[in-house]
PDB file of N, CA and C in Angstrom:
ATOM      1  N   MET A   1     225.825 228.772  13.464  1.00  0.00           N
ATOM      2  CA  MET A   1     224.808 227.852  13.597  1.00  0.00           C
ATOM      3  C   MET A   1     223.918 228.320  12.473  1.00  0.00           C
ATOM      4  N   ASN A   2     223.035 227.800  11.921  1.00  0.00           N
ATOM      5  CA  ASN A   2     222.086 228.040  11.329  1.00  0.00           C
ATOM      6  C   ASN A   2     220.660 226.888  12.122  1.00  0.00           C
ATOM      7  N   VAL A   3     220.399 228.657  13.230  1.00  0.00           N
ATOM      8  CA  VAL A   3     218.775 228.250  14.186  1.00  0.00           C
ATOM      9  C   VAL A   3     217.751 227.870  13.495  1.00  0.00           C
ATOM     10  N   ALA A   4     217.119 227.853  12.312  1.00  0.00           N
ATOM     11  CA  ALA A   4     216.326 227.580  11.190  1.00  0.00           C
ATOM     12  C   ALA A   4     216.581 226.176  11.263  1.00  0.00           C
ATOM     13  N   ARG A   5     217.659 225.633  10.784  1.00  0.00           N
ATOM     14  CA  ARG A   5     217.944 224.166  10.677  1.00  0.00           C
ATOM     15  C   ARG A   5     217.043 223.081  11.811  1.00  0.00           C
ATOM     16  N   LEU A   6     217.322 223.305  12.920  1.00  0.00           N
ATOM     17  CA  LEU A   6     217.426 223.074  13.730  1.00  0.00           C
ATOM     18  C   LEU A   6     215.774 222.660  14.091  1.00  0.00           C
ATOM     19  N   GLY A   7     214.734 223.755  13.360  1.00  0.00           N
ATOM     20  CA  GLY A   7     213.352 223.907  13.744  1.00  0.00           C
ATOM     21  C   GLY A   7     212.938 223.907  15.195  1.00  0.00           C
ATOM     22  N   THR A   8     211.839 224.076  15.539  1.00  0.00           N
ATOM     23  CA  THR A   8     210.848 224.669  16.502  1.00  0.00           C
ATOM     24  C   THR A   8     210.350 223.202  17.559  1.00  0.00           C
ATOM     25  N   GLY A   9     210.137 223.615  18.544  1.00  0.00           N
ATOM     26  CA  GLY A   9     209.394 222.445  19.476  1.00  0.00           C
ATOM     27  C   GLY A   9     210.558 222.092  20.370  1.00  0.00           C
ATOM     28  N   ASN A  10     209.642 221.306  21.076  1.00  0.00           N
ATOM     29  CA  ASN A  10     210.689 220.770  22.852  1.00  0.00           C
ATOM     30  C   ASN A  10     211.892 219.594  21.886  1.00  0.00           C
ATOM     31  N   GLN A  11     211.887 218.728  21.205  1.00  0.00           N
ATOM     32  CA  GLN A  11     212.790 218.593  20.289  1.00  0.00           C
ATOM     33  C   GLN A  11     214.254 219.453  19.577  1.00  0.00           C
ATOM     34  N   ALA A  12     214.076 220.388  19.810  1.00  0.00           N
ATOM     35  CA  ALA A  12     214.930 221.009  19.101  1.00  0.00           C
ATOM     36  C   ALA A  12     215.767 222.048  20.362  1.00  0.00           C
ATOM     37  N   LEU A  13     216.523 221.330  20.803  1.00  0.00           N
ATOM     38  CA  LEU A  13     217.107 221.635  21.886  1.00  0.00           C
ATOM     39  C   LEU A  13     218.346 222.823  21.294  1.00  0.00           C
ATOM     40  N   ILE A  14     219.067 223.965  22.311  1.00  0.00           N
ATOM     41  CA  ILE A  14     219.833 224.535  21.915  1.00  0.00           C
ATOM     42  C   ILE A  14     220.359 224.990  23.178  1.00  0.00           C
ATOM     43  N   ALA A  15     221.972 225.456  23.526  1.00  0.00           N
ATOM     44  CA  ALA A  15     222.731 226.015  24.752  1.00  0.00           C
ATOM     45  C   ALA A  15     223.376 226.753  23.869  1.00  0.00           C
ATOM     46  N   ILE A  16     223.302 228.596  24.462  1.00  0.00           N
ATOM     47  CA  ILE A  16     223.887 229.403  23.935  1.00  0.00           C
ATOM     48  C   ILE A  16     224.495 230.257  25.105  1.00  0.00           C
ATOM     49  N   LYS A  17     225.684 230.964  24.308  1.00  0.00           N
ATOM     50  CA  LYS A  17     226.277 231.958  25.077  1.00  0.00           C
ATOM     51  C   LYS A  17     226.242 233.068  24.468  1.00  0.00           C
ATOM     52  N   LEU A  18     225.715 234.083  25.325  1.00  0.00           N
ATOM     53  CA  LEU A  18     225.784 235.478  24.377  1.00  0.00           C
ATOM     54  C   LEU A  18     226.948 236.279  24.243  1.00  0.00           C
ATOM     55  N   LYS A  19     227.230 237.494  23.623  1.00  0.00           N
ATOM     56  CA  LYS A  19     228.504 238.161  24.089  1.00  0.00           C
ATOM     57  C   LYS A  19     228.429 238.966  25.403  1.00  0.00           C
ATOM     58  N   ASP A  20     227.691 239.163  26.031  1.00  0.00           N
ATOM     59  CA  ASP A  20     227.198 239.563  27.405  1.00  0.00           C
ATOM     60  C   ASP A  20     227.692 238.447  28.148  1.00  0.00           C
ATOM     61  N   LYS A  21     228.274 236.774  27.742  1.00  0.00           N
ATOM     62  CA  LYS A  21     228.782 235.829  29.020  1.00  0.00           C
ATOM     63  C   LYS A  21     227.225 235.651  29.423  1.00  0.00           C
ATOM     64  N   THR A  22     226.009 235.933  29.127  1.00  0.00           N
ATOM     65  CA  THR A  22     225.301 235.311  29.561  1.00  0.00           C
ATOM     66  C   THR A  22     224.679 234.264  29.335  1.00  0.00           C
ATOM     67  N   LYS A  23     224.352 232.530  29.282  1.00  0.00           N
ATOM     68  CA  LYS A  23     224.028 231.563  28.793  1.00  0.00           C
ATOM     69  C   LYS A  23     222.674 231.118  28.591  1.00  0.00           C
ATOM     70  N   VAL A  24     222.462 230.922  27.752  1.00  0.00           N
ATOM     71  CA  VAL A  24     220.892 230.073  27.574  1.00  0.00           C
ATOM     72  C   VAL A  24     220.693 228.976  27.340  1.00  0.00           C
ATOM     73  N   ALA A  25     219.497 228.392  27.835  1.00  0.00           N
ATOM     74  CA  ALA A  25     219.310 226.725  27.240  1.00  0.00           C
ATOM     75  C   ALA A  25     218.127 226.699  27.580  1.00  0.00           C
ATOM     76  N   GLY A  26     217.469 225.745  26.162  1.00  0.00           N
ATOM     77  CA  GLY A  26     216.289 225.170  25.944  1.00  0.00           C
ATOM     78  C   GLY A  26     216.058 225.094  24.768  1.00  0.00           C
ATOM     79  N   TYR A  27     214.562 225.138  24.646  1.00  0.00           N
ATOM     80  CA  TYR A  27     214.085 224.281  23.120  1.00  0.00           C
ATOM     81  C   TYR A  27     213.870 226.019  22.190  1.00  0.00           C
ATOM     82  N   ILE A  28     213.763 225.603  20.909  1.00  0.00           N
ATOM     83  CA  ILE A  28     213.696 226.609  20.199  1.00  0.00           C
ATOM     84  C   ILE A  28     212.056 226.324  19.935  1.00  0.00           C
ATOM     85  N   SER A  29     211.069 227.853  20.456  1.00  0.00           N
ATOM     86  CA  SER A  29     209.950 228.048  19.921  1.00  0.00           C
ATOM     87  C   SER A  29     209.181 229.038  19.044  1.00  0.00           C
ATOM     88  N   GLU A  30     210.340 230.180  18.389  1.00  0.00           N
ATOM     89  CA  GLU A  30     209.382 230.792  17.319  1.00  0.00           C
ATOM     90  C   GLU A  30     211.716 230.777  16.513  1.00  0.00           C
ATOM     91  N   VAL A  31     211.169 230.905  15.379  1.00  0.00           N
ATOM     92  CA  VAL A  31     212.573 231.510  14.779  1.00  0.00           C
ATOM     93  C   VAL A  31     211.910 232.685  14.038  1.00  0.00           C
ATOM     94  N   SER A  32     213.005 233.771  14.091  1.00  0.00           N
ATOM     95  CA  SER A  32     212.314 234.674  12.589  1.00  0.00           C
ATOM     96  C   SER A  32     213.898 235.383  12.046  1.00  0.00           C
ATOM     97  N   ASP A  33     213.548 236.095  10.995  1.00  0.00           N
ATOM     98  CA  ASP A  33     214.729 237.014  10.247  1.00  0.00           C
ATOM     99  C   ASP A  33     215.997 237.012  11.253  1.00  0.00           C
ATOM    100  N   ASP A  34     215.505 238.127  12.087  1.00  0.00           N
ATOM    101  CA  ASP A  34     216.744 238.648  13.281  1.00  0.00           C
ATOM    102  C   ASP A  34     216.762 238.136  14.354  1.00  0.00           C
ATOM    103  N   SER A  35     215.959 237.487  14.987  1.00  0.00           N
ATOM    104  CA  SER A  35     215.961 236.543  16.621  1.00  0.00           C
ATOM    105  C   SER A  35     215.367 235.072  16.517  1.00  0.00           C
ATOM    106  N   PHE A  36     215.467 234.423  17.717  1.00  0.00           N
ATOM    107  CA  PHE A  36     215.257 233.551  17.714  1.00  0.00           C
ATOM    108  C   PHE A  36     214.048 233.128  19.055  1.00  0.00           C
ATOM    109  N   VAL A  37     213.538 232.528  20.041  1.00  0.00           N
ATOM    110  CA  VAL A  37     212.850 232.278  21.058  1.00  0.00           C
ATOM    111  C   VAL A  37     213.247 231.285  21.947  1.00  0.00           C
ATOM    112  N   VAL A  38     213.980 231.041  23.224  1.00  0.00           N
ATOM    113  CA  VAL A  38     214.320 230.117  23.437  1.00  0.00           C
ATOM    114  C   VAL A  38     213.282 229.754  24.698  1.00  0.00           C
ATOM    115  N   VAL A  39     212.491 228.414  25.021  1.00  0.00           N
ATOM    116  CA  VAL A  39     212.244 228.151  25.948  1.00  0.00           C
ATOM    117  C   VAL A  39     212.658 227.483  27.065  1.00  0.00           C
ATOM    118  N   HIS A  40     212.551 227.802  28.569  1.00  0.00           N
ATOM    119  CA  HIS A  40     213.730 226.680  29.081  1.00  0.00           C
ATOM    120  C   HIS A  40     212.662 225.480  29.701  1.00  0.00           C
ATOM    121  N   PRO A  41     212.872 224.521  29.361  1.00  0.00           N
ATOM    122  CA  PRO A  41     211.485 223.624  29.465  1.00  0.00           C
ATOM    123  C   PRO A  41     211.181 223.353  30.938  1.00  0.00           C
ATOM    124  N   LYS A  42     212.130 222.950  31.785  1.00  0.00           N
ATOM    125  CA  LYS A  42     211.819 222.880  33.228  1.00  0.00           C
ATOM    126  C   LYS A  42     210.953 224.443  34.082  1.00  0.00           C
ATOM    127  N   PHE A  43     211.422 225.335  33.703  1.00  0.00           N
ATOM    128  CA  PHE A  43     211.091 226.869  34.380  1.00  0.00           C
ATOM    129  C   PHE A  43     209.897 228.125  33.274  1.00  0.00           C
ATOM    130  N   GLY A  44     210.033 227.085  32.195  1.00  0.00           N
ATOM    131  CA  GLY A  44     209.026 228.040  31.447  1.00  0.00           C
ATOM    132  C   GLY A  44     209.366 229.173  30.772  1.00  0.00           C
ATOM    133  N   THR A  45     210.892 229.540  30.920  1.00  0.00           N
ATOM    134  CA  THR A  45     211.211 231.224  30.988  1.00  0.00           C
ATOM    135  C   THR A  45     211.445 231.339  29.337  1.00  0.00           C
ATOM    136  N   VAL A  46     211.022 232.516  29.225  1.00  0.00           N
ATOM    137  CA  VAL A  46     210.743 232.578  27.438  1.00  0.00           C
ATOM    138  C   VAL A  46     212.399 233.780  27.070  1.00  0.00           C
ATOM    139  N   THR A  47     212.938 233.767  26.351  1.00  0.00           N
ATOM    140  CA  THR A  47     213.815 234.523  26.065  1.00  0.00           C
ATOM    141  C   THR A  47     213.878 234.953  24.322  1.00  0.00           C
ATOM    142  N   SER A  48     214.032 236.014  24.334  1.00  0.00           N
ATOM    143  CA  SER A  48     213.986 236.816  23.265  1.00  0.00           C
ATOM    144  C   SER A  48     215.797 236.650  23.013  1.00  0.00           C
ATOM    145  N   VAL A  49     216.392 236.077  22.386  1.00  0.00           N
ATOM    146  CA  VAL A  49     217.356 235.958  21.188  1.00  0.00           C
ATOM    147  C   VAL A  49     218.341 236.268  19.789  1.00  0.00           C
ATOM    148  N   LYS A  50     218.848 237.826  19.770  1.00  0.00           N
ATOM    149  CA  LYS A  50     218.951 237.973  18.174  1.00  0.00           C
ATOM    150  C   LYS A  50     220.008 237.568  17.809  1.00  0.00           C
ATOM    151  N   TYR A  51     220.324 237.506  16.650  1.00  0.00           N
ATOM    152  CA  TYR A  51     221.293 236.702  16.434  1.00  0.00           C
ATOM    153  C   TYR A  51     222.952 237.537  16.382  1.00  0.00           C
ATOM    154  N   ALA A  52     222.440 238.626  16.289  1.00  0.00           N
ATOM    155  CA  ALA A  52     223.787 239.174  16.746  1.00  0.00           C
ATOM    156  C   ALA A  52     224.397 239.490  17.828  1.00  0.00           C
ATOM    157  N   ASP A  53     223.496 238.803  19.380  1.00  0.00           N
ATOM    158  CA  ASP A  53     224.211 238.599  20.194  1.00  0.00           C
ATOM    159  C   ASP A  53     224.796 237.670  20.757  1.00  0.00           C
ATOM    160  N   VAL A  54     224.508 236.601  19.726  1.00  0.00           N
ATOM    161  CA  VAL A  54     224.824 235.169  19.782  1.00  0.00           C
ATOM    162  C   VAL A  54     226.833 235.309  19.752  1.00  0.00           C
ATOM    163  N   ALA A  55     227.302 234.877  20.601  1.00  0.00           N
ATOM    164  CA  ALA A  55     229.014 234.220  20.776  1.00  0.00           C
ATOM    165  C   ALA A  55     229.169 232.982  19.733  1.00  0.00           C
ATOM    166  N   GLN A  56     228.393 232.294  20.563  1.00  0.00           N
ATOM    167  CA  GLN A  56     228.413 230.656  20.680  1.00  0.00           C
ATOM    168  C   GLN A  56     227.334 229.763  20.782  1.00  0.00           C
ATOM    169  N   ALA A  57     226.811 228.740  19.937  1.00  0.00           N
ATOM    170  CA  ALA A  57     225.541 228.291  20.513  1.00  0.00           C
ATOM    171  C   ALA A  57     225.744 226.664  19.010  1.00  0.00           C
ATOM    172  N   LYS A  58     225.081 225.430  20.636  1.00  0.00           N
ATOM    173  CA  LYS A  58     225.276 224.386  20.112  1.00  0.00           C
ATOM    174  C   LYS A  58     224.202 224.040  20.531  1.00  0.00           C
ATOM    175  N   GLY A  59     223.494 223.144  19.468  1.00  0.00           N
ATOM    176  CA  GLY A  59     221.951 222.603  19.205  1.00  0.00           C
ATOM    177  C   GLY A  59     221.915 221.584  18.654  1.00  0.00           C
ATOM    178  N   ASN A  60     220.622 220.315  19.182  1.00  0.00           N
ATOM    179  CA  ASN A  60     220.700 219.137  18.042  1.00  0.00           C
ATOM    180  C   ASN A  60     219.094 219.113  18.003  1.00  0.00           C
ATOM    181  N   ASN A  61     218.777 218.283  17.484  1.00  0.00           N
ATOM    182  CA  ASN A  61     217.283 217.861  16.787  1.00  0.00           C
ATOM    183  C   ASN A  61     217.344 216.512  15.973  1.00  0.00           C
ATOM    184  N   LEU A  62     217.070 215.527  16.466  1.00  0.00           N
ATOM    185  CA  LEU A  62     217.615 213.998  16.216  1.00  0.00           C
ATOM    186  C   LEU A  62     216.034 213.920  15.454  1.00  0.00           C
ATOM    187  N   GLY A  63     216.173 213.614  14.272  1.00  0.00           N
ATOM    188  CA  GLY A  63     215.206 213.271  13.525  1.00  0.00           C
ATOM    189  C   GLY A  63     214.335 211.724  13.510  1.00  0.00           C
ATOM    190  N   THR A  64     213.439 211.848  12.774  1.00  0.00           N
ATOM    191  CA  THR A  64     213.239 210.304  12.937  1.00  0.00           C
ATOM    192  C   THR A  64     213.899 209.205  12.714  1.00  0.00           C
ATOM    193  N   GLY A  65     214.036 209.270  11.439  1.00  0.00           N
ATOM    194  CA  GLY A  65     215.872 208.088  11.146  1.00  0.00           C
ATOM    195  C   GLY A  65     216.572 208.083  12.278  1.00  0.00           C
ATOM    196  N   ALA A  66     217.521 208.981  12.794  1.00  0.00           N
ATOM    197  CA  ALA A  66     218.248 209.085  13.514  1.00  0.00           C
ATOM    198  C   ALA A  66     217.793 208.027  14.567  1.00  0.00           C
ATOM    199  N   LYS A  67     216.317 208.679  15.565  1.00  0.00           N
ATOM    200  CA  LYS A  67     216.030 208.090  16.256  1.00  0.00           C
ATOM    201  C   LYS A  67     216.107 206.400  15.896  1.00  0.00           C
ATOM    202  N   ILE A  68     215.544 206.032  15.128  1.00  0.00           N
ATOM    203  CA  ILE A  68     214.912 204.714  14.584  1.00  0.00           C
ATOM    204  C   ILE A  68     216.604 204.161  14.849  1.00  0.00           C
ATOM    205  N   ALA A  69     217.384 204.162  14.329  1.00  0.00           N
ATOM    206  CA  ALA A  69     218.468 204.165  13.906  1.00  0.00           C
ATOM    207  C   ALA A  69     219.299 203.722  15.611  1.00  0.00           C
ATOM    208  N   ILE A  70     218.989 204.422  16.574  1.00  0.00           N
ATOM    209  CA  ILE A  70     219.576 204.531  17.788  1.00  0.00           C
ATOM    210  C   ILE A  70     218.993 203.221  18.288  1.00  0.00           C
ATOM    211  N   GLY A  71     217.493 203.409  18.171  1.00  0.00           N
ATOM    212  CA  GLY A  71     216.689 202.350  18.943  1.00  0.00           C
ATOM    213  C   GLY A  71     217.485 201.404  18.344  1.00  0.00           C
ATOM    214  N   ILE A  72     217.481 200.753  17.065  1.00  0.00           N
ATOM    215  CA  ILE A  72     217.665 199.487  16.690  1.00  0.00           C
ATOM    216  C   ILE A  72     219.417 199.260  16.994  1.00  0.00           C
ATOM    217  N   GLY A  73     220.373 200.406  16.998  1.00  0.00           N
ATOM    218  CA  GLY A  73     221.382 200.022  17.489  1.00  0.00           C
ATOM    219  C   GLY A  73     221.423 199.550  19.277  1.00  0.00           C
ATOM    220  N   ILE A  74     220.692 199.857  19.996  1.00  0.00           N
ATOM    221  CA  ILE A  74     220.619 199.954  21.299  1.00  0.00           C
ATOM    222  C   ILE A  74     220.129 198.005  21.359  1.00  0.00           C
ATOM    223  N   GLY A  75     218.575 197.810  20.196  1.00  0.00           N
ATOM    224  CA  GLY A  75     218.717 196.179  20.338  1.00  0.00           C
ATOM    225  C   GLY A  75     219.459 195.623  19.944  1.00  0.00           C
ATOM    226  N   ALA A  76     220.274 195.852  18.835  1.00  0.00           N
ATOM    227  CA  ALA A  76     220.600 194.406  18.629  1.00  0.00           C
ATOM    228  C   ALA A  76     222.030 194.480  19.940  1.00  0.00           C
ATOM    229  N   ALA A  77     222.414 195.586  20.329  1.00  0.00           N
ATOM    230  CA  ALA A  77     223.433 195.491  21.805  1.00  0.00           C
ATOM    231  C   ALA A  77     222.761 194.705  22.638  1.00  0.00           C
ATOM    232  N   ALA A  78     221.787 194.630  22.798  1.00  0.00           N
ATOM    233  CA  ALA A  78     221.325 194.185  24.061  1.00  0.00           C
ATOM    234  C   ALA A  78     221.344 192.362  23.249  1.00  0.00           C
ATOM    235  N   VAL A  79     220.688 191.994  22.512  1.00  0.00           N
ATOM    236  CA  VAL A  79     220.522 190.416  21.989  1.00  0.00           C
ATOM    237  C   VAL A  79     222.420 190.230  21.910  1.00  0.00           C
ATOM    238  N   LEU A  80     222.900 190.560  21.382  1.00  0.00           N
ATOM    239  CA  LEU A  80     224.227 190.609  21.519  1.00  0.00           C
ATOM    240  C   LEU A  80     225.264 189.637  22.895  1.00  0.00           C
ATOM    241  N   ILE A  81     224.517 190.826  23.766  1.00  0.00           N
ATOM    242  CA  ILE A  81     225.203 190.432  25.276  1.00  0.00           C
ATOM    243  C   ILE A  81     224.431 189.707  26.050  1.00  0.00           C
ATOM    244  N   LEU A  82     222.945 189.614  25.802  1.00  0.00           N
ATOM    245  CA  LEU A  82     221.810 188.234  26.110  1.00  0.00           C
ATOM    246  C   LEU A  82     222.881 187.049  25.235  1.00  0.00           C
ATOM    247  N   LEU A  83     223.291 186.796  24.018  1.00  0.00           N
ATOM    248  CA  LEU A  83     223.915 185.589  23.341  1.00  0.00           C
ATOM    249  C   LEU A  83     225.316 185.219  24.233  1.00  0.00           C
ATOM    250  N   LEU A  84     225.978 186.533  24.117  1.00  0.00           N
ATOM    251  CA  LEU A  84     227.123 186.201  24.710  1.00  0.00           C
ATOM    252  C   LEU A  84     227.012 185.328  26.068  1.00  0.00           C
ATOM    253  N   ILE A  85     226.285 186.069  26.796  1.00  0.00           N
ATOM    254  CA  ILE A  85     225.722 185.150  28.305  1.00  0.00           C
ATOM    255  C   ILE A  85     225.218 183.784  28.460  1.00  0.00           C
ATOM    256  N   TYR A  86     224.967 183.501  27.314  1.00  0.00           N
ATOM    257  CA  TYR A  86     224.071 182.272  27.036  1.00  0.00           C
ATOM    258  C   TYR A  86     225.083 181.113  26.211  1.00  0.00           C
ATOM    259  N   ILE A  87     225.995 182.149  25.648  1.00  0.00           N
ATOM    260  CA  ILE A  87     227.262 180.831  25.220  1.00  0.00           C
ATOM    261  C   ILE A  87     228.224 180.777  26.097  1.00  0.00           C
ATOM    262  N   SER A  88     228.563 181.949  27.561  1.00  0.00           N
ATOM    263  CA  SER A  88     229.629 181.344  27.904  1.00  0.00           C
ATOM    264  C   SER A  88     228.987 180.709  29.570  1.00  0.00           C
ATOM    265  N   CYS A  89     227.504 180.285  29.997  1.00  0.00           N
ATOM    266  CA  CYS A  89     227.270 180.235  30.585  1.00  0.00           C
ATOM    267  C   CYS A  89     226.517 179.232  30.333  1.00  0.00           C
ATOM    268  N   CYS A  90     225.885 178.310  29.303  1.00  0.00           N
ATOM    269  CA  CYS A  90     225.791 177.013  29.200  1.00  0.00           C
ATOM    270  C   CYS A  90     226.428 176.285  28.021  1.00  0.00           C
ATOM    271  N   THR A  91     227.097 176.444  27.475  1.00  0.00           N
ATOM    272  CA  THR A  91     228.032 175.585  26.879  1.00  0.00           C
ATOM    273  C   THR A  91     229.545 175.446  26.783  1.00  0.00           C
ATOM    274  N   GLY A  92     229.258 175.061  28.367  1.00  0.00           N
ATOM    275  CA  GLY A  92     230.755 174.896  28.570  1.00  0.00           C
ATOM    276  C   GLY A  92     231.001 173.405  29.182  1.00  0.00           C
TER     277      GLY A  92
END
């Protein structure tokens, strides 16, 4: 996984399993050539992680376009449900 691609900040979420079986989760606050920093959002714990120590990593950072698309999809589903309820209730 390319950690730098996720960016930094509270939207750049990551869950990591290290080679020593330790698990680290939070958001990426800094990225450098050989390591990155993960901050746990609830506790504020700061963990510096070397790329060489990572066994597995999963992360995501939804861009603005993805967030807008999700919002439009939810809105369209709500309108469709209301329309179906109206049709079944009032056109009988």
